[in-house]
Amino acid sequence: MKTETIPNEVSEPVDVLAHASDCIRKNPLSSVVGAAVFGLAVGCLIMSGRHEPTLQERFVGEPLEHANDVLSNISENLSRLVANLKFW
């Protein structure tokens, strides 16, 4: 595999663009692999911040928490009702 060096002094930005374009044309596989690895790294960084619930959390934990909330609301309402009832 033949590697090229970038000239130390570049007179114009157009020369840099032309040199980069030539390198990509001469080594397309390395350019594609580099872009794919970069995209994979960015995707992993984005996805690492998200928490996907497990099956147990989704189908056991969350319904139990919801049921617990409903039962505690019912209990509070019944205790208020009993407190408001006046017996003889």
PDB file of N, CA and C in Angstrom:
ATOM      1  N   MET A   1       0.839  -1.169   0.000  1.00  0.00           N
ATOM      2  CA  MET A   1       0.000   0.000   0.000  1.00  0.00           C
ATOM      3  C   MET A   1       0.891   1.242   0.000  1.00  0.00           C
ATOM      4  N   LYS A   2       0.611   2.123  -0.872  1.00  0.00           N
ATOM      5  CA  LYS A   2       1.426   3.305  -1.055  1.00  0.00           C
ATOM      6  C   LYS A   2       0.802   4.468  -0.288  1.00  0.00           C
ATOM      7  N   THR A   3       1.573   5.117   0.546  1.00  0.00           N
ATOM      8  CA  THR A   3       1.065   6.259   1.292  1.00  0.00           C
ATOM      9  C   THR A   3       1.677   7.532   0.743  1.00  0.00           C
ATOM     10  N   GLU A   4       0.905   8.591   0.790  1.00  0.00           N
ATOM     11  CA  GLU A   4       1.366   9.882   0.322  1.00  0.00           C
ATOM     12  C   GLU A   4       1.450  10.838   1.492  1.00  0.00           C
ATOM     13  N   THR A   5       2.356  11.751   1.399  1.00  0.00           N
ATOM     14  CA  THR A   5       2.485  12.758   2.449  1.00  0.00           C
ATOM     15  C   THR A   5       1.845  14.046   1.977  1.00  0.00           C
ATOM     16  N   ILE A   6       1.308  14.756   2.925  1.00  0.00           N
ATOM     17  CA  ILE A   6       0.690  16.047   2.632  1.00  0.00           C
ATOM     18  C   ILE A   6       1.810  17.085   2.582  1.00  0.00           C
ATOM     19  N   PRO A   7       1.810  17.945   1.582  1.00  0.00           N
ATOM     20  CA  PRO A   7       2.870  18.960   1.513  1.00  0.00           C
ATOM     21  C   PRO A   7       2.848  19.852   2.748  1.00  0.00           C
ATOM     22  N   ASN A   8       4.036  20.278   3.177  1.00  0.00           N
ATOM     23  CA  ASN A   8       4.138  21.100   4.385  1.00  0.00           C
ATOM     24  C   ASN A   8       3.496  22.463   4.203  1.00  0.00           C
ATOM     25  N   GLU A   9       3.721  23.073   3.096  1.00  0.00           N
ATOM     26  CA  GLU A   9       3.157  24.391   2.855  1.00  0.00           C
ATOM     27  C   GLU A   9       2.156  24.308   1.714  1.00  0.00           C
ATOM     28  N   VAL A  10       0.959  24.752   2.006  1.00  0.00           N
ATOM     29  CA  VAL A  10      -0.092  24.740   0.989  1.00  0.00           C
ATOM     30  C   VAL A  10      -0.422  26.186   0.687  1.00  0.00           C
ATOM     31  N   SER A  11      -0.387  26.523  -0.592  1.00  0.00           N
ATOM     32  CA  SER A  11      -0.582  27.920  -0.958  1.00  0.00           C
ATOM     33  C   SER A  11      -2.055  28.314  -0.921  1.00  0.00           C
ATOM     34  N   GLU A  12      -2.923  27.402  -1.260  1.00  0.00           N
ATOM     35  CA  GLU A  12      -4.341  27.749  -1.319  1.00  0.00           C
ATOM     36  C   GLU A  12      -5.182  26.607  -0.761  1.00  0.00           C
ATOM     37  N   PRO A  13      -6.337  26.928  -0.196  1.00  0.00           N
ATOM     38  CA  PRO A  13      -7.230  25.863   0.291  1.00  0.00           C
ATOM     39  C   PRO A  13      -7.701  24.948  -0.832  1.00  0.00           C
ATOM     40  N   VAL A  14      -7.721  25.453  -2.048  1.00  0.00           N
ATOM     41  CA  VAL A  14      -8.136  24.627  -3.177  1.00  0.00           C
ATOM     42  C   VAL A  14      -7.151  23.481  -3.374  1.00  0.00           C
ATOM     43  N   ASP A  15      -5.859  23.738  -3.130  1.00  0.00           N
ATOM     44  CA  ASP A  15      -4.853  22.679  -3.244  1.00  0.00           C
ATOM     45  C   ASP A  15      -5.101  21.567  -2.232  1.00  0.00           C
ATOM     46  N   VAL A  16      -5.481  21.940  -1.019  1.00  0.00           N
ATOM     47  CA  VAL A  16      -5.780  20.940   0.012  1.00  0.00           C
ATOM     48  C   VAL A  16      -6.974  20.104  -0.417  1.00  0.00           C
ATOM     49  N   LEU A  17      -7.996  20.759  -0.921  1.00  0.00           N
ATOM     50  CA  LEU A  17      -9.188  20.047  -1.379  1.00  0.00           C
ATOM     51  C   LEU A  17      -8.847  19.113  -2.534  1.00  0.00           C
ATOM     52  N   ALA A  18      -8.033  19.567  -3.458  1.00  0.00           N
ATOM     53  CA  ALA A  18      -7.646  18.721  -4.592  1.00  0.00           C
ATOM     54  C   ALA A  18      -6.809  17.540  -4.119  1.00  0.00           C
ATOM     55  N   HIS A  19      -5.913  17.768  -3.175  1.00  0.00           N
ATOM     56  CA  HIS A  19      -5.080  16.692  -2.648  1.00  0.00           C
ATOM     57  C   HIS A  19      -5.939  15.661  -1.904  1.00  0.00           C
ATOM     58  N   ALA A  20      -6.885  16.142  -1.104  1.00  0.00           N
ATOM     59  CA  ALA A  20      -7.775  15.224  -0.385  1.00  0.00           C
ATOM     60  C   ALA A  20      -8.624  14.425  -1.363  1.00  0.00           C
ATOM     61  N   SER A  21      -9.107  15.077  -2.395  1.00  0.00           N
ATOM     62  CA  SER A  21      -9.903  14.389  -3.407  1.00  0.00           C
ATOM     63  C   SER A  21      -9.081  13.313  -4.117  1.00  0.00           C
ATOM     64  N   ASP A  22      -7.829  13.624  -4.417  1.00  0.00           N
ATOM     65  CA  ASP A  22      -6.954  12.626  -5.062  1.00  0.00           C
ATOM     66  C   ASP A  22      -6.711  11.426  -4.154  1.00  0.00           C
ATOM     67  N   CYS A  23      -6.483  11.700  -2.862  1.00  0.00           N
ATOM     68  CA  CYS A  23      -6.251  10.596  -1.906  1.00  0.00           C
ATOM     69  C   CYS A  23      -7.479   9.699  -1.807  1.00  0.00           C
ATOM     70  N   ILE A  24      -8.655  10.298  -1.777  1.00  0.00           N
ATOM     71  CA  ILE A  24      -9.888   9.515  -1.688  1.00  0.00           C
ATOM     72  C   ILE A  24     -10.089   8.691  -2.955  1.00  0.00           C
ATOM     73  N   ARG A  25      -9.777   9.264  -4.104  1.00  0.00           N
ATOM     74  CA  ARG A  25      -9.923   8.527  -5.360  1.00  0.00           C
ATOM     75  C   ARG A  25      -8.932   7.379  -5.466  1.00  0.00           C
ATOM     76  N   LYS A  26      -7.738   7.557  -4.930  1.00  0.00           N
ATOM     77  CA  LYS A  26      -6.729   6.505  -5.003  1.00  0.00           C
ATOM     78  C   LYS A  26      -6.952   5.405  -3.969  1.00  0.00           C
ATOM     79  N   ASN A  27      -7.555   5.741  -2.829  1.00  0.00           N
ATOM     80  CA  ASN A  27      -7.784   4.770  -1.747  1.00  0.00           C
ATOM     81  C   ASN A  27      -9.255   4.809  -1.305  1.00  0.00           C
ATOM     82  N   PRO A  28     -10.171   4.375  -2.154  1.00  0.00           N
ATOM     83  CA  PRO A  28     -11.586   4.499  -1.791  1.00  0.00           C
ATOM     84  C   PRO A  28     -11.989   3.574  -0.641  1.00  0.00           C
ATOM     85  N   LEU A  29     -11.377   2.403  -0.557  1.00  0.00           N
ATOM     86  CA  LEU A  29     -11.772   1.466   0.493  1.00  0.00           C
ATOM     87  C   LEU A  29     -11.450   2.012   1.875  1.00  0.00           C
ATOM     88  N   SER A  30     -10.286   2.587   2.050  1.00  0.00           N
ATOM     89  CA  SER A  30      -9.927   3.132   3.363  1.00  0.00           C
ATOM     90  C   SER A  30     -10.815   4.317   3.724  1.00  0.00           C
ATOM     91  N   SER A  31     -11.230   5.094   2.728  1.00  0.00           N
ATOM     92  CA  SER A  31     -12.123   6.223   2.993  1.00  0.00           C
ATOM     93  C   SER A  31     -13.492   5.735   3.432  1.00  0.00           C
ATOM     94  N   VAL A  32     -14.007   4.723   2.771  1.00  0.00           N
ATOM     95  CA  VAL A  32     -15.321   4.183   3.119  1.00  0.00           C
ATOM     96  C   VAL A  32     -15.283   3.532   4.500  1.00  0.00           C
ATOM     97  N   VAL A  33     -14.231   2.758   4.779  1.00  0.00           N
ATOM     98  CA  VAL A  33     -14.105   2.113   6.092  1.00  0.00           C
ATOM     99  C   VAL A  33     -13.971   3.162   7.184  1.00  0.00           C
ATOM    100  N   GLY A  34     -13.191   4.193   6.945  1.00  0.00           N
ATOM    101  CA  GLY A  34     -13.037   5.262   7.932  1.00  0.00           C
ATOM    102  C   GLY A  34     -14.350   5.966   8.212  1.00  0.00           C
ATOM    103  N   ALA A  35     -15.112   6.243   7.167  1.00  0.00           N
ATOM    104  CA  ALA A  35     -16.412   6.894   7.358  1.00  0.00           C
ATOM    105  C   ALA A  35     -17.374   5.982   8.097  1.00  0.00           C
ATOM    106  N   ALA A  36     -17.352   4.688   7.801  1.00  0.00           N
ATOM    107  CA  ALA A  36     -18.238   3.745   8.485  1.00  0.00           C
ATOM    108  C   ALA A  36     -17.884   3.629   9.966  1.00  0.00           C
ATOM    109  N   VAL A  37     -16.598   3.571  10.282  1.00  0.00           N
ATOM    110  CA  VAL A  37     -16.171   3.489  11.686  1.00  0.00           C
ATOM    111  C   VAL A  37     -16.553   4.768  12.419  1.00  0.00           C
ATOM    112  N   PHE A  38     -16.374   5.906  11.786  1.00  0.00           N
ATOM    113  CA  PHE A  38     -16.760   7.175  12.408  1.00  0.00           C
ATOM    114  C   PHE A  38     -18.269   7.210  12.672  1.00  0.00           C
ATOM    115  N   GLY A  39     -19.071   6.784  11.699  1.00  0.00           N
ATOM    116  CA  GLY A  39     -20.525   6.749  11.882  1.00  0.00           C
ATOM    117  C   GLY A  39     -20.946   5.792  12.975  1.00  0.00           C
ATOM    118  N   LEU A  40     -20.287   4.640  13.046  1.00  0.00           N
ATOM    119  CA  LEU A  40     -20.588   3.678  14.100  1.00  0.00           C
ATOM    120  C   LEU A  40     -20.252   4.248  15.470  1.00  0.00           C
ATOM    121  N   ALA A  41     -19.124   4.934  15.582  1.00  0.00           N
ATOM    122  CA  ALA A  41     -18.725   5.529  16.866  1.00  0.00           C
ATOM    123  C   ALA A  41     -19.722   6.607  17.303  1.00  0.00           C
ATOM    124  N   VAL A  42     -20.129   7.455  16.375  1.00  0.00           N
ATOM    125  CA  VAL A  42     -21.105   8.501  16.704  1.00  0.00           C
ATOM    126  C   VAL A  42     -22.441   7.869  17.095  1.00  0.00           C
ATOM    127  N   GLY A  43     -22.870   6.842  16.380  1.00  0.00           N
ATOM    128  CA  GLY A  43     -24.121   6.158  16.716  1.00  0.00           C
ATOM    129  C   GLY A  43     -24.068   5.511  18.085  1.00  0.00           C
ATOM    130  N   CYS A  44     -22.940   4.900  18.423  1.00  0.00           N
ATOM    131  CA  CYS A  44     -22.797   4.290  19.759  1.00  0.00           C
ATOM    132  C   CYS A  44     -22.843   5.346  20.849  1.00  0.00           C
ATOM    133  N   LEU A  45     -22.221   6.491  20.612  1.00  0.00           N
ATOM    134  CA  LEU A  45     -22.256   7.566  21.607  1.00  0.00           C
ATOM    135  C   LEU A  45     -23.672   8.100  21.807  1.00  0.00           C
ATOM    136  N   ILE A  46     -24.413   8.209  20.730  1.00  0.00           N
ATOM    137  CA  ILE A  46     -25.790   8.706  20.837  1.00  0.00           C
ATOM    138  C   ILE A  46     -26.669   7.696  21.568  1.00  0.00           C
ATOM    139  N   MET A  47     -26.517   6.428  21.221  1.00  0.00           N
ATOM    140  CA  MET A  47     -27.374   5.399  21.817  1.00  0.00           C
ATOM    141  C   MET A  47     -26.995   5.069  23.249  1.00  0.00           C
ATOM    142  N   SER A  48     -25.782   5.374  23.677  1.00  0.00           N
ATOM    143  CA  SER A  48     -25.368   5.023  25.031  1.00  0.00           C
ATOM    144  C   SER A  48     -26.125   5.830  26.078  1.00  0.00           C
ATOM    145  N   GLY A  49     -26.662   6.967  25.713  1.00  0.00           N
ATOM    146  CA  GLY A  49     -27.398   7.788  26.668  1.00  0.00           C
ATOM    147  C   GLY A  49     -28.829   7.339  26.882  1.00  0.00           C
ATOM    148  N   ARG A  50     -29.316   6.455  26.067  1.00  0.00           N
ATOM    149  CA  ARG A  50     -30.711   6.003  26.180  1.00  0.00           C
ATOM    150  C   ARG A  50     -30.777   4.723  27.005  1.00  0.00           C
ATOM    151  N   HIS A  51     -31.805   4.633  27.851  1.00  0.00           N
ATOM    152  CA  HIS A  51     -32.015   3.427  28.648  1.00  0.00           C
ATOM    153  C   HIS A  51     -33.244   2.706  28.121  1.00  0.00           C
ATOM    154  N   GLU A  52     -33.033   1.530  27.614  1.00  0.00           N
ATOM    155  CA  GLU A  52     -34.126   0.696  27.116  1.00  0.00           C
ATOM    156  C   GLU A  52     -34.562  -0.221  28.254  1.00  0.00           C
ATOM    157  N   PRO A  53     -35.843  -0.176  28.647  1.00  0.00           N
ATOM    158  CA  PRO A  53     -36.273  -1.042  29.745  1.00  0.00           C
ATOM    159  C   PRO A  53     -36.186  -2.520  29.362  1.00  0.00           C
ATOM    160  N   THR A  54     -35.812  -3.339  30.344  1.00  0.00           N
ATOM    161  CA  THR A  54     -35.749  -4.779  30.111  1.00  0.00           C
ATOM    162  C   THR A  54     -37.171  -5.336  30.072  1.00  0.00           C
ATOM    163  N   LEU A  55     -37.302  -6.595  29.665  1.00  0.00           N
ATOM    164  CA  LEU A  55     -38.630  -7.218  29.630  1.00  0.00           C
ATOM    165  C   LEU A  55     -39.249  -7.266  31.021  1.00  0.00           C
ATOM    166  N   GLN A  56     -38.429  -7.558  32.020  1.00  0.00           N
ATOM    167  CA  GLN A  56     -38.952  -7.619  33.389  1.00  0.00           C
ATOM    168  C   GLN A  56     -39.442  -6.243  33.837  1.00  0.00           C
ATOM    169  N   GLU A  57     -38.676  -5.201  33.535  1.00  0.00           N
ATOM    170  CA  GLU A  57     -39.108  -3.855  33.913  1.00  0.00           C
ATOM    171  C   GLU A  57     -40.383  -3.465  33.179  1.00  0.00           C
ATOM    172  N   ARG A  58     -40.454  -3.826  31.893  1.00  0.00           N
ATOM    173  CA  ARG A  58     -41.597  -3.414  31.090  1.00  0.00           C
ATOM    174  C   ARG A  58     -42.874  -4.155  31.458  1.00  0.00           C
ATOM    175  N   PHE A  59     -42.779  -5.485  31.659  1.00  0.00           N
ATOM    176  CA  PHE A  59     -43.989  -6.278  31.826  1.00  0.00           C
ATOM    177  C   PHE A  59     -44.276  -6.690  33.267  1.00  0.00           C
ATOM    178  N   VAL A  60     -43.338  -6.450  34.179  1.00  0.00           N
ATOM    179  CA  VAL A  60     -43.586  -6.799  35.582  1.00  0.00           C
ATOM    180  C   VAL A  60     -43.481  -5.561  36.455  1.00  0.00           C
ATOM    181  N   GLY A  61     -42.358  -4.865  36.375  1.00  0.00           N
ATOM    182  CA  GLY A  61     -42.115  -3.740  37.272  1.00  0.00           C
ATOM    183  C   GLY A  61     -43.073  -2.583  37.068  1.00  0.00           C
ATOM    184  N   GLU A  62     -43.228  -2.138  35.835  1.00  0.00           N
ATOM    185  CA  GLU A  62     -44.096  -0.992  35.560  1.00  0.00           C
ATOM    186  C   GLU A  62     -45.567  -1.274  35.876  1.00  0.00           C
ATOM    187  N   PRO A  63     -46.138  -2.445  35.499  1.00  0.00           N
ATOM    188  CA  PRO A  63     -47.535  -2.704  35.875  1.00  0.00           C
ATOM    189  C   PRO A  63     -47.730  -2.795  37.392  1.00  0.00           C
ATOM    190  N   LEU A  64     -46.754  -3.362  38.103  1.00  0.00           N
ATOM    191  CA  LEU A  64     -46.872  -3.428  39.559  1.00  0.00           C
ATOM    192  C   LEU A  64     -46.815  -2.043  40.192  1.00  0.00           C
ATOM    193  N   GLU A  65     -45.951  -1.175  39.671  1.00  0.00           N
ATOM    194  CA  GLU A  65     -45.892   0.195  40.178  1.00  0.00           C
ATOM    195  C   GLU A  65     -47.204   0.923  39.904  1.00  0.00           C
ATOM    196  N   HIS A  66     -47.769   0.713  38.724  1.00  0.00           N
ATOM    197  CA  HIS A  66     -49.048   1.347  38.392  1.00  0.00           C
ATOM    198  C   HIS A  66     -50.160   0.826  39.302  1.00  0.00           C
ATOM    199  N   ALA A  67     -50.188  -0.480  39.520  1.00  0.00           N
ATOM    200  CA  ALA A  67     -51.200  -1.056  40.403  1.00  0.00           C
ATOM    201  C   ALA A  67     -51.031  -0.538  41.825  1.00  0.00           C
ATOM    202  N   ASN A  68     -49.803  -0.392  42.275  1.00  0.00           N
ATOM    203  CA  ASN A  68     -49.548   0.136  43.611  1.00  0.00           C
ATOM    204  C   ASN A  68     -50.046   1.576  43.722  1.00  0.00           C
ATOM    205  N   ASP A  69     -49.828   2.386  42.694  1.00  0.00           N
ATOM    206  CA  ASP A  69     -50.316   3.764  42.694  1.00  0.00           C
ATOM    207  C   ASP A  69     -51.841   3.810  42.743  1.00  0.00           C
ATOM    208  N   VAL A  70     -52.486   2.956  41.961  1.00  0.00           N
ATOM    209  CA  VAL A  70     -53.954   2.924  41.935  1.00  0.00           C
ATOM    210  C   VAL A  70     -54.492   2.512  43.294  1.00  0.00           C
ATOM    211  N   LEU A  71     -53.920   1.466  43.885  1.00  0.00           N
ATOM    212  CA  LEU A  71     -54.393   1.001  45.191  1.00  0.00           C
ATOM    213  C   LEU A  71     -54.152   2.033  46.285  1.00  0.00           C
ATOM    214  N   SER A  72     -53.049   2.748  46.233  1.00  0.00           N
ATOM    215  CA  SER A  72     -52.812   3.776  47.251  1.00  0.00           C
ATOM    216  C   SER A  72     -53.793   4.934  47.080  1.00  0.00           C
ATOM    217  N   ASN A  73     -54.142   5.287  45.833  1.00  0.00           N
ATOM    218  CA  ASN A  73     -55.154   6.329  45.607  1.00  0.00           C
ATOM    219  C   ASN A  73     -56.512   5.889  46.129  1.00  0.00           C
ATOM    220  N   ILE A  74     -56.873   4.641  45.892  1.00  0.00           N
ATOM    221  CA  ILE A  74     -58.145   4.116  46.393  1.00  0.00           C
ATOM    222  C   ILE A  74     -58.143   4.135  47.911  1.00  0.00           C
ATOM    223  N   SER A  75     -57.039   3.733  48.520  1.00  0.00           N
ATOM    224  CA  SER A  75     -56.939   3.716  49.975  1.00  0.00           C
ATOM    225  C   SER A  75     -57.080   5.121  50.555  1.00  0.00           C
ATOM    226  N   GLU A  76     -56.434   6.100  49.941  1.00  0.00           N
ATOM    227  CA  GLU A  76     -56.552   7.482  50.415  1.00  0.00           C
ATOM    228  C   GLU A  76     -57.982   7.988  50.288  1.00  0.00           C
ATOM    229  N   ASN A  77     -58.628   7.684  49.176  1.00  0.00           N
ATOM    230  CA  ASN A  77     -60.007   8.129  48.976  1.00  0.00           C
ATOM    231  C   ASN A  77     -60.948   7.471  49.972  1.00  0.00           C
ATOM    232  N   LEU A  78     -60.753   6.182  50.243  1.00  0.00           N
ATOM    233  CA  LEU A  78     -61.595   5.504  51.223  1.00  0.00           C
ATOM    234  C   LEU A  78     -61.367   6.050  52.625  1.00  0.00           C
ATOM    235  N   SER A  79     -60.134   6.366  52.968  1.00  0.00           N
ATOM    236  CA  SER A  79     -59.874   6.916  54.307  1.00  0.00           C
ATOM    237  C   SER A  79     -60.502   8.294  54.450  1.00  0.00           C
ATOM    238  N   ARG A  80     -60.497   9.115  53.404  1.00  0.00           N
ATOM    239  CA  ARG A  80     -61.186  10.411  53.451  1.00  0.00           C
ATOM    240  C   ARG A  80     -62.694  10.225  53.570  1.00  0.00           C
ATOM    241  N   LEU A  81     -63.219   9.235  52.860  1.00  0.00           N
ATOM    242  CA  LEU A  81     -64.650   8.973  52.917  1.00  0.00           C
ATOM    243  C   LEU A  81     -65.061   8.528  54.305  1.00  0.00           C
ATOM    244  N   VAL A  82     -64.297   7.642  54.902  1.00  0.00           N
ATOM    245  CA  VAL A  82     -64.603   7.152  56.240  1.00  0.00           C
ATOM    246  C   VAL A  82     -64.473   8.298  57.251  1.00  0.00           C
ATOM    247  N   ALA A  83     -63.501   9.169  57.077  1.00  0.00           N
ATOM    248  CA  ALA A  83     -63.333  10.290  58.005  1.00  0.00           C
ATOM    249  C   ALA A  83     -64.500  11.271  57.902  1.00  0.00           C
ATOM    250  N   ASN A  84     -65.077  11.388  56.708  1.00  0.00           N
ATOM    251  CA  ASN A  84     -66.194  12.319  56.525  1.00  0.00           C
ATOM    252  C   ASN A  84     -67.531  11.734  56.945  1.00  0.00           C
ATOM    253  N   LEU A  85     -67.632  10.431  57.091  1.00  0.00           N
ATOM    254  CA  LEU A  85     -68.893   9.832  57.517  1.00  0.00           C
ATOM    255  C   LEU A  85     -69.129  10.114  58.999  1.00  0.00           C
ATOM    256  N   LYS A  86     -70.343  10.452  59.323  1.00  0.00           N
ATOM    257  CA  LYS A  86     -70.671  10.722  60.734  1.00  0.00           C
ATOM    258  C   LYS A  86     -71.654   9.647  61.196  1.00  0.00           C
ATOM    259  N   PHE A  87     -71.180   8.903  62.165  1.00  0.00           N
ATOM    260  CA  PHE A  87     -72.066   7.890  62.735  1.00  0.00           C
ATOM    261  C   PHE A  87     -72.757   8.471  63.938  1.00  0.00           C
ATOM    262  N   TRP A  88     -73.907   7.916  64.327  1.00  0.00           N
ATOM    263  CA  TRP A  88     -74.702   8.450  65.429  1.00  0.00           C
ATOM    264  C   TRP A  88     -73.961   8.450  66.692  1.00  0.00           C
TER     265      TRP A  88
END
